[in-house]
Amino acid sequence: MNATTRKQQPASYEQACAELEQLVQQLESGQMSLDDTLKAYARGSQLLRYCREQLQAVEQQVQILEGGELKPFADERAREDD
């Protein structure tokens, strides 16, 4: 894991999730040095923050599209089935 990788913003939410999954696998393997573990944890925190921000932005867009009221997705599917 080099310094460029740790600081780079992911290209997408999906890429961030994939990198997070990879980091979790590496951390769970127990084969990383203490320094690499700390770096992986820090990178994972950055990725998690990025994902949360992306989800929050999408939620705000949905609220705008729904006239300020965020409606659960399950309710929309139930209405479509009727």
PDB file of N, CA and C in Angstrom:
ATOM      1  N   MET A   1       0.853  -1.164   0.000  1.00  0.00           N
ATOM      2  CA  MET A   1       0.000   0.000   0.000  1.00  0.00           C
ATOM      3  C   MET A   1       0.898   1.226   0.000  1.00  0.00           C
ATOM      4  N   ASN A   2       0.858   2.030  -1.068  1.00  0.00           N
ATOM      5  CA  ASN A   2       1.738   3.182  -1.127  1.00  0.00           C
ATOM      6  C   ASN A   2       1.014   4.458  -0.705  1.00  0.00           C
ATOM      7  N   ALA A   3       1.747   5.545  -0.547  1.00  0.00           N
ATOM      8  CA  ALA A   3       1.178   6.805  -0.066  1.00  0.00           C
ATOM      9  C   ALA A   3       0.134   7.352  -1.028  1.00  0.00           C
ATOM     10  N   THR A   4       0.321   7.165  -2.320  1.00  0.00           N
ATOM     11  CA  THR A   4      -0.648   7.661  -3.298  1.00  0.00           C
ATOM     12  C   THR A   4      -1.984   6.965  -3.133  1.00  0.00           C
ATOM     13  N   THR A   5      -1.970   5.662  -2.943  1.00  0.00           N
ATOM     14  CA  THR A   5      -3.207   4.897  -2.784  1.00  0.00           C
ATOM     15  C   THR A   5      -3.971   5.346  -1.552  1.00  0.00           C
ATOM     16  N   ARG A   6      -3.265   5.600  -0.460  1.00  0.00           N
ATOM     17  CA  ARG A   6      -3.924   5.967   0.790  1.00  0.00           C
ATOM     18  C   ARG A   6      -4.636   7.303   0.696  1.00  0.00           C
ATOM     19  N   LYS A   7      -4.113   8.238  -0.080  1.00  0.00           N
ATOM     20  CA  LYS A   7      -4.669   9.589  -0.124  1.00  0.00           C
ATOM     21  C   LYS A   7      -5.648   9.790  -1.275  1.00  0.00           C
ATOM     22  N   GLN A   8      -5.682   8.902  -2.214  1.00  0.00           N
ATOM     23  CA  GLN A   8      -6.486   9.060  -3.418  1.00  0.00           C
ATOM     24  C   GLN A   8      -7.965   8.853  -3.135  1.00  0.00           C
ATOM     25  N   GLN A   9      -8.809   9.764  -3.677  1.00  0.00           N
ATOM     26  CA  GLN A   9     -10.256   9.602  -3.571  1.00  0.00           C
ATOM     27  C   GLN A   9     -10.692   8.502  -4.526  1.00  0.00           C
ATOM     28  N   PRO A  10     -11.630   7.672  -4.102  1.00  0.00           N
ATOM     29  CA  PRO A  10     -12.127   6.644  -5.014  1.00  0.00           C
ATOM     30  C   PRO A  10     -12.905   7.280  -6.166  1.00  0.00           C
ATOM     31  N   ALA A  11     -12.942   6.585  -7.270  1.00  0.00           N
ATOM     32  CA  ALA A  11     -13.650   7.092  -8.449  1.00  0.00           C
ATOM     33  C   ALA A  11     -15.162   6.996  -8.274  1.00  0.00           C
ATOM     34  N   SER A  12     -15.605   6.069  -7.426  1.00  0.00           N
ATOM     35  CA  SER A  12     -17.044   5.871  -7.248  1.00  0.00           C
ATOM     36  C   SER A  12     -17.319   5.204  -5.911  1.00  0.00           C
ATOM     37  N   TYR A  13     -18.579   5.199  -5.541  1.00  0.00           N
ATOM     38  CA  TYR A  13     -19.023   4.520  -4.325  1.00  0.00           C
ATOM     39  C   TYR A  13     -18.685   3.033  -4.409  1.00  0.00           C
ATOM     40  N   GLU A  14     -18.924   2.467  -5.567  1.00  0.00           N
ATOM     41  CA  GLU A  14     -18.665   1.043  -5.761  1.00  0.00           C
ATOM     42  C   GLU A  14     -17.187   0.711  -5.608  1.00  0.00           C
ATOM     43  N   GLN A  15     -16.326   1.576  -6.134  1.00  0.00           N
ATOM     44  CA  GLN A  15     -14.887   1.361  -6.004  1.00  0.00           C
ATOM     45  C   GLN A  15     -14.469   1.459  -4.537  1.00  0.00           C
ATOM     46  N   ALA A  16     -15.054   2.405  -3.822  1.00  0.00           N
ATOM     47  CA  ALA A  16     -14.734   2.554  -2.402  1.00  0.00           C
ATOM     48  C   ALA A  16     -15.157   1.312  -1.623  1.00  0.00           C
ATOM     49  N   CYS A  17     -16.327   0.778  -1.924  1.00  0.00           N
ATOM     50  CA  CYS A  17     -16.795  -0.438  -1.246  1.00  0.00           C
ATOM     51  C   CYS A  17     -15.885  -1.622  -1.555  1.00  0.00           C
ATOM     52  N   ALA A  18     -15.469  -1.744  -2.795  1.00  0.00           N
ATOM     53  CA  ALA A  18     -14.584  -2.845  -3.181  1.00  0.00           C
ATOM     54  C   ALA A  18     -13.245  -2.735  -2.463  1.00  0.00           C
ATOM     55  N   GLU A  19     -12.712  -1.526  -2.380  1.00  0.00           N
ATOM     56  CA  GLU A  19     -11.439  -1.347  -1.682  1.00  0.00           C
ATOM     57  C   GLU A  19     -11.598  -1.631  -0.189  1.00  0.00           C
ATOM     58  N   LEU A  20     -12.727  -1.207   0.382  1.00  0.00           N
ATOM     59  CA  LEU A  20     -12.996  -1.501   1.789  1.00  0.00           C
ATOM     60  C   LEU A  20     -13.039  -3.002   2.039  1.00  0.00           C
ATOM     61  N   GLU A  21     -13.717  -3.728   1.164  1.00  0.00           N
ATOM     62  CA  GLU A  21     -13.788  -5.188   1.304  1.00  0.00           C
ATOM     63  C   GLU A  21     -12.396  -5.815   1.258  1.00  0.00           C
ATOM     64  N   GLN A  22     -11.564  -5.317   0.356  1.00  0.00           N
ATOM     65  CA  GLN A  22     -10.204  -5.828   0.235  1.00  0.00           C
ATOM     66  C   GLN A  22      -9.403  -5.539   1.509  1.00  0.00           C
ATOM     67  N   LEU A  23      -9.559  -4.335   2.045  1.00  0.00           N
ATOM     68  CA  LEU A  23      -8.850  -3.982   3.278  1.00  0.00           C
ATOM     69  C   LEU A  23      -9.293  -4.858   4.444  1.00  0.00           C
ATOM     70  N   VAL A  24     -10.588  -5.115   4.533  1.00  0.00           N
ATOM     71  CA  VAL A  24     -11.096  -5.965   5.611  1.00  0.00           C
ATOM     72  C   VAL A  24     -10.492  -7.366   5.509  1.00  0.00           C
ATOM     73  N   GLN A  25     -10.444  -7.905   4.305  1.00  0.00           N
ATOM     74  CA  GLN A  25      -9.842  -9.237   4.117  1.00  0.00           C
ATOM     75  C   GLN A  25      -8.383  -9.245   4.550  1.00  0.00           C
ATOM     76  N   GLN A  26      -7.658  -8.201   4.182  1.00  0.00           N
ATOM     77  CA  GLN A  26      -6.246  -8.120   4.558  1.00  0.00           C
ATOM     78  C   GLN A  26      -6.100  -8.011   6.074  1.00  0.00           C
ATOM     79  N   LEU A  27      -6.939  -7.186   6.702  1.00  0.00           N
ATOM     80  CA  LEU A  27      -6.871  -7.020   8.152  1.00  0.00           C
ATOM     81  C   LEU A  27      -7.229  -8.319   8.872  1.00  0.00           C
ATOM     82  N   GLU A  28      -8.242  -9.010   8.365  1.00  0.00           N
ATOM     83  CA  GLU A  28      -8.679 -10.253   9.001  1.00  0.00           C
ATOM     84  C   GLU A  28      -7.669 -11.385   8.826  1.00  0.00           C
ATOM     85  N   SER A  29      -6.820 -11.279   7.818  1.00  0.00           N
ATOM     86  CA  SER A  29      -5.835 -12.338   7.586  1.00  0.00           C
ATOM     87  C   SER A  29      -4.806 -12.403   8.706  1.00  0.00           C
ATOM     88  N   GLY A  30      -4.588 -11.279   9.375  1.00  0.00           N
ATOM     89  CA  GLY A  30      -3.615 -11.248  10.448  1.00  0.00           C
ATOM     90  C   GLY A  30      -2.176 -11.302   9.968  1.00  0.00           C
ATOM     91  N   GLN A  31      -1.949 -11.132   8.681  1.00  0.00           N
ATOM     92  CA  GLN A  31      -0.609 -11.247   8.105  1.00  0.00           C
ATOM     93  C   GLN A  31       0.081  -9.897   7.903  1.00  0.00           C
ATOM     94  N   MET A  32      -0.560  -8.817   8.313  1.00  0.00           N
ATOM     95  CA  MET A  32       0.005  -7.486   8.089  1.00  0.00           C
ATOM     96  C   MET A  32       0.848  -7.062   9.288  1.00  0.00           C
ATOM     97  N   SER A  33       1.859  -6.257   9.013  1.00  0.00           N
ATOM     98  CA  SER A  33       2.655  -5.692  10.099  1.00  0.00           C
ATOM     99  C   SER A  33       1.796  -4.668  10.854  1.00  0.00           C
ATOM    100  N   LEU A  34       2.238  -4.294  12.017  1.00  0.00           N
ATOM    101  CA  LEU A  34       1.506  -3.320  12.812  1.00  0.00           C
ATOM    102  C   LEU A  34       1.376  -2.000  12.069  1.00  0.00           C
ATOM    103  N   ASP A  35       2.457  -1.566  11.426  1.00  0.00           N
ATOM    104  CA  ASP A  35       2.433  -0.311  10.661  1.00  0.00           C
ATOM    105  C   ASP A  35       1.452  -0.389   9.499  1.00  0.00           C
ATOM    106  N   ASP A  36       1.472  -1.491   8.751  1.00  0.00           N
ATOM    107  CA  ASP A  36       0.546  -1.660   7.626  1.00  0.00           C
ATOM    108  C   ASP A  36      -0.897  -1.763   8.108  1.00  0.00           C
ATOM    109  N   THR A  37      -1.091  -2.383   9.265  1.00  0.00           N
ATOM    110  CA  THR A  37      -2.438  -2.480   9.836  1.00  0.00           C
ATOM    111  C   THR A  37      -2.977  -1.096  10.161  1.00  0.00           C
ATOM    112  N   LEU A  38      -2.145  -0.263  10.747  1.00  0.00           N
ATOM    113  CA  LEU A  38      -2.554   1.098  11.078  1.00  0.00           C
ATOM    114  C   LEU A  38      -2.878   1.890   9.817  1.00  0.00           C
ATOM    115  N   LYS A  39      -2.052   1.735   8.790  1.00  0.00           N
ATOM    116  CA  LYS A  39      -2.301   2.424   7.518  1.00  0.00           C
ATOM    117  C   LYS A  39      -3.591   1.933   6.870  1.00  0.00           C
ATOM    118  N   ALA A  40      -3.828   0.633   6.919  1.00  0.00           N
ATOM    119  CA  ALA A  40      -5.051   0.072   6.340  1.00  0.00           C
ATOM    120  C   ALA A  40      -6.279   0.568   7.097  1.00  0.00           C
ATOM    121  N   TYR A  41      -6.171   0.640   8.412  1.00  0.00           N
ATOM    122  CA  TYR A  41      -7.284   1.144   9.226  1.00  0.00           C
ATOM    123  C   TYR A  41      -7.585   2.605   8.884  1.00  0.00           C
ATOM    124  N   ALA A  42      -6.533   3.417   8.738  1.00  0.00           N
ATOM    125  CA  ALA A  42      -6.716   4.826   8.391  1.00  0.00           C
ATOM    126  C   ALA A  42      -7.366   4.959   7.015  1.00  0.00           C
ATOM    127  N   ARG A  43      -6.907   4.162   6.057  1.00  0.00           N
ATOM    128  CA  ARG A  43      -7.493   4.201   4.710  1.00  0.00           C
ATOM    129  C   ARG A  43      -8.953   3.754   4.757  1.00  0.00           C
ATOM    130  N   GLY A  44      -9.232   2.719   5.527  1.00  0.00           N
ATOM    131  CA  GLY A  44     -10.602   2.256   5.666  1.00  0.00           C
ATOM    132  C   GLY A  44     -11.503   3.334   6.251  1.00  0.00           C
ATOM    133  N   SER A  45     -10.991   4.081   7.200  1.00  0.00           N
ATOM    134  CA  SER A  45     -11.770   5.183   7.787  1.00  0.00           C
ATOM    135  C   SER A  45     -12.069   6.254   6.741  1.00  0.00           C
ATOM    136  N   GLN A  46     -11.079   6.558   5.892  1.00  0.00           N
ATOM    137  CA  GLN A  46     -11.293   7.526   4.814  1.00  0.00           C
ATOM    138  C   GLN A  46     -12.372   7.032   3.845  1.00  0.00           C
ATOM    139  N   LEU A  47     -12.274   5.766   3.490  1.00  0.00           N
ATOM    140  CA  LEU A  47     -13.240   5.195   2.544  1.00  0.00           C
ATOM    141  C   LEU A  47     -14.641   5.155   3.140  1.00  0.00           C
ATOM    142  N   LEU A  48     -14.735   4.811   4.401  1.00  0.00           N
ATOM    143  CA  LEU A  48     -16.033   4.775   5.063  1.00  0.00           C
ATOM    144  C   LEU A  48     -16.657   6.164   5.104  1.00  0.00           C
ATOM    145  N   ARG A  49     -15.854   7.173   5.402  1.00  0.00           N
ATOM    146  CA  ARG A  49     -16.346   8.549   5.418  1.00  0.00           C
ATOM    147  C   ARG A  49     -16.840   8.949   4.025  1.00  0.00           C
ATOM    148  N   TYR A  50     -16.064   8.578   2.995  1.00  0.00           N
ATOM    149  CA  TYR A  50     -16.453   8.876   1.614  1.00  0.00           C
ATOM    150  C   TYR A  50     -17.802   8.223   1.288  1.00  0.00           C
ATOM    151  N   CYS A  51     -17.956   6.954   1.646  1.00  0.00           N
ATOM    152  CA  CYS A  51     -19.204   6.236   1.360  1.00  0.00           C
ATOM    153  C   CYS A  51     -20.386   6.878   2.074  1.00  0.00           C
ATOM    154  N   ARG A  52     -20.200   7.235   3.327  1.00  0.00           N
ATOM    155  CA  ARG A  52     -21.287   7.887   4.078  1.00  0.00           C
ATOM    156  C   ARG A  52     -21.672   9.213   3.446  1.00  0.00           C
ATOM    157  N   GLU A  53     -20.682   9.984   3.015  1.00  0.00           N
ATOM    158  CA  GLU A  53     -20.969  11.263   2.357  1.00  0.00           C
ATOM    159  C   GLU A  53     -21.734  11.051   1.057  1.00  0.00           C
ATOM    160  N   GLN A  54     -21.339  10.036   0.293  1.00  0.00           N
ATOM    161  CA  GLN A  54     -22.028   9.744  -0.962  1.00  0.00           C
ATOM    162  C   GLN A  54     -23.477   9.343  -0.712  1.00  0.00           C
ATOM    163  N   LEU A  55     -23.694   8.485   0.279  1.00  0.00           N
ATOM    164  CA  LEU A  55     -25.056   8.055   0.603  1.00  0.00           C
ATOM    165  C   LEU A  55     -25.904   9.222   1.089  1.00  0.00           C
ATOM    166  N   GLN A  56     -25.306  10.107   1.883  1.00  0.00           N
ATOM    167  CA  GLN A  56     -26.035  11.271   2.378  1.00  0.00           C
ATOM    168  C   GLN A  56     -26.417  12.194   1.219  1.00  0.00           C
ATOM    169  N   ALA A  57     -25.516  12.365   0.259  1.00  0.00           N
ATOM    170  CA  ALA A  57     -25.802  13.204  -0.903  1.00  0.00           C
ATOM    171  C   ALA A  57     -26.952  12.625  -1.720  1.00  0.00           C
ATOM    172  N   VAL A  58     -26.956  11.317  -1.893  1.00  0.00           N
ATOM    173  CA  VAL A  58     -28.045  10.673  -2.640  1.00  0.00           C
ATOM    174  C   VAL A  58     -29.360  10.823  -1.886  1.00  0.00           C
ATOM    175  N   GLU A  59     -29.320  10.656  -0.575  1.00  0.00           N
ATOM    176  CA  GLU A  59     -30.534  10.812   0.227  1.00  0.00           C
ATOM    177  C   GLU A  59     -31.102  12.222   0.080  1.00  0.00           C
ATOM    178  N   GLN A  60     -30.250  13.238   0.067  1.00  0.00           N
ATOM    179  CA  GLN A  60     -30.708  14.609  -0.109  1.00  0.00           C
ATOM    180  C   GLN A  60     -31.333  14.805  -1.485  1.00  0.00           C
ATOM    181  N   GLN A  61     -30.758  14.184  -2.505  1.00  0.00           N
ATOM    182  CA  GLN A  61     -31.324  14.286  -3.844  1.00  0.00           C
ATOM    183  C   GLN A  61     -32.698  13.631  -3.904  1.00  0.00           C
ATOM    184  N   VAL A  62     -32.844  12.506  -3.234  1.00  0.00           N
ATOM    185  CA  VAL A  62     -34.129  11.810  -3.205  1.00  0.00           C
ATOM    186  C   VAL A  62     -35.159  12.675  -2.495  1.00  0.00           C
ATOM    187  N   GLN A  63     -34.765  13.312  -1.399  1.00  0.00           N
ATOM    188  CA  GLN A  63     -35.688  14.186  -0.683  1.00  0.00           C
ATOM    189  C   GLN A  63     -36.165  15.315  -1.575  1.00  0.00           C
ATOM    190  N   ILE A  64     -35.264  15.876  -2.359  1.00  0.00           N
ATOM    191  CA  ILE A  64     -35.652  16.946  -3.280  1.00  0.00           C
ATOM    192  C   ILE A  64     -36.637  16.413  -4.306  1.00  0.00           C
ATOM    193  N   LEU A  65     -36.356  15.248  -4.857  1.00  0.00           N
ATOM    194  CA  LEU A  65     -37.239  14.659  -5.858  1.00  0.00           C
ATOM    195  C   LEU A  65     -38.598  14.283  -5.282  1.00  0.00           C
ATOM    196  N   GLU A  66     -38.640  13.959  -4.004  1.00  0.00           N
ATOM    197  CA  GLU A  66     -39.886  13.558  -3.346  1.00  0.00           C
ATOM    198  C   GLU A  66     -40.565  14.742  -2.664  1.00  0.00           C
ATOM    199  N   GLY A  67     -40.153  15.961  -2.969  1.00  0.00           N
ATOM    200  CA  GLY A  67     -40.793  17.141  -2.400  1.00  0.00           C
ATOM    201  C   GLY A  67     -40.457  17.358  -0.936  1.00  0.00           C
ATOM    202  N   GLY A  68     -39.256  17.012  -0.522  1.00  0.00           N
ATOM    203  CA  GLY A  68     -38.822  17.260   0.840  1.00  0.00           C
ATOM    204  C   GLY A  68     -39.138  16.157   1.823  1.00  0.00           C
ATOM    205  N   GLU A  69     -39.866  15.148   1.403  1.00  0.00           N
ATOM    206  CA  GLU A  69     -40.211  14.040   2.293  1.00  0.00           C
ATOM    207  C   GLU A  69     -39.544  12.774   1.809  1.00  0.00           C
ATOM    208  N   LEU A  70     -38.656  12.239   2.629  1.00  0.00           N
ATOM    209  CA  LEU A  70     -37.977  11.007   2.263  1.00  0.00           C
ATOM    210  C   LEU A  70     -38.889   9.831   2.585  1.00  0.00           C
ATOM    211  N   LYS A  71     -39.214   9.059   1.568  1.00  0.00           N
ATOM    212  CA  LYS A  71     -40.122   7.929   1.731  1.00  0.00           C
ATOM    213  C   LYS A  71     -39.331   6.630   1.647  1.00  0.00           C
ATOM    214  N   PRO A  72     -39.636   5.664   2.491  1.00  0.00           N
ATOM    215  CA  PRO A  72     -38.918   4.385   2.441  1.00  0.00           C
ATOM    216  C   PRO A  72     -39.100   3.700   1.100  1.00  0.00           C
ATOM    217  N   PHE A  73     -38.043   3.074   0.620  1.00  0.00           N
ATOM    218  CA  PHE A  73     -38.075   2.377  -0.661  1.00  0.00           C
ATOM    219  C   PHE A  73     -39.108   1.263  -0.646  1.00  0.00           C
ATOM    220  N   ALA A  74     -39.276   0.573   0.464  1.00  0.00           N
ATOM    221  CA  ALA A  74     -40.220  -0.541   0.556  1.00  0.00           C
ATOM    222  C   ALA A  74     -41.641  -0.075   0.274  1.00  0.00           C
ATOM    223  N   ASP A  75     -41.999   1.124   0.720  1.00  0.00           N
ATOM    224  CA  ASP A  75     -43.335   1.660   0.440  1.00  0.00           C
ATOM    225  C   ASP A  75     -43.542   1.897  -1.042  1.00  0.00           C
ATOM    226  N   GLU A  76     -42.520   2.360  -1.735  1.00  0.00           N
ATOM    227  CA  GLU A  76     -42.620   2.582  -3.181  1.00  0.00           C
ATOM    228  C   GLU A  76     -42.865   1.273  -3.910  1.00  0.00           C
ATOM    229  N   ARG A  77     -42.171   0.217  -3.518  1.00  0.00           N
ATOM    230  CA  ARG A  77     -42.337  -1.084  -4.173  1.00  0.00           C
ATOM    231  C   ARG A  77     -43.719  -1.631  -3.890  1.00  0.00           C
ATOM    232  N   ALA A  78     -44.241  -1.431  -2.702  1.00  0.00           N
ATOM    233  CA  ALA A  78     -45.580  -1.916  -2.361  1.00  0.00           C
ATOM    234  C   ALA A  78     -46.623  -1.217  -3.233  1.00  0.00           C
ATOM    235  N   ARG A  79     -46.451   0.082  -3.468  1.00  0.00           N
ATOM    236  CA  ARG A  79     -47.396   0.818  -4.311  1.00  0.00           C
ATOM    237  C   ARG A  79     -47.339   0.341  -5.754  1.00  0.00           C
ATOM    238  N   GLU A  80     -46.148   0.010  -6.219  1.00  0.00           N
ATOM    239  CA  GLU A  80     -45.992  -0.460  -7.597  1.00  0.00           C
ATOM    240  C   GLU A  80     -46.669  -1.816  -7.777  1.00  0.00           C
ATOM    241  N   ASP A  81     -46.681  -2.642  -6.735  1.00  0.00           N
ATOM    242  CA  ASP A  81     -47.294  -3.976  -6.816  1.00  0.00           C
ATOM    243  C   ASP A  81     -48.808  -3.916  -6.818  1.00  0.00           C
ATOM    244  N   ASP A  82     -49.396  -2.806  -6.328  1.00  0.00           N
ATOM    245  CA  ASP A  82     -50.871  -2.707  -6.259  1.00  0.00           C
ATOM    246  C   ASP A  82     -51.505  -2.463  -7.597  1.00  0.00           C
TER     247      ASP A  82
END
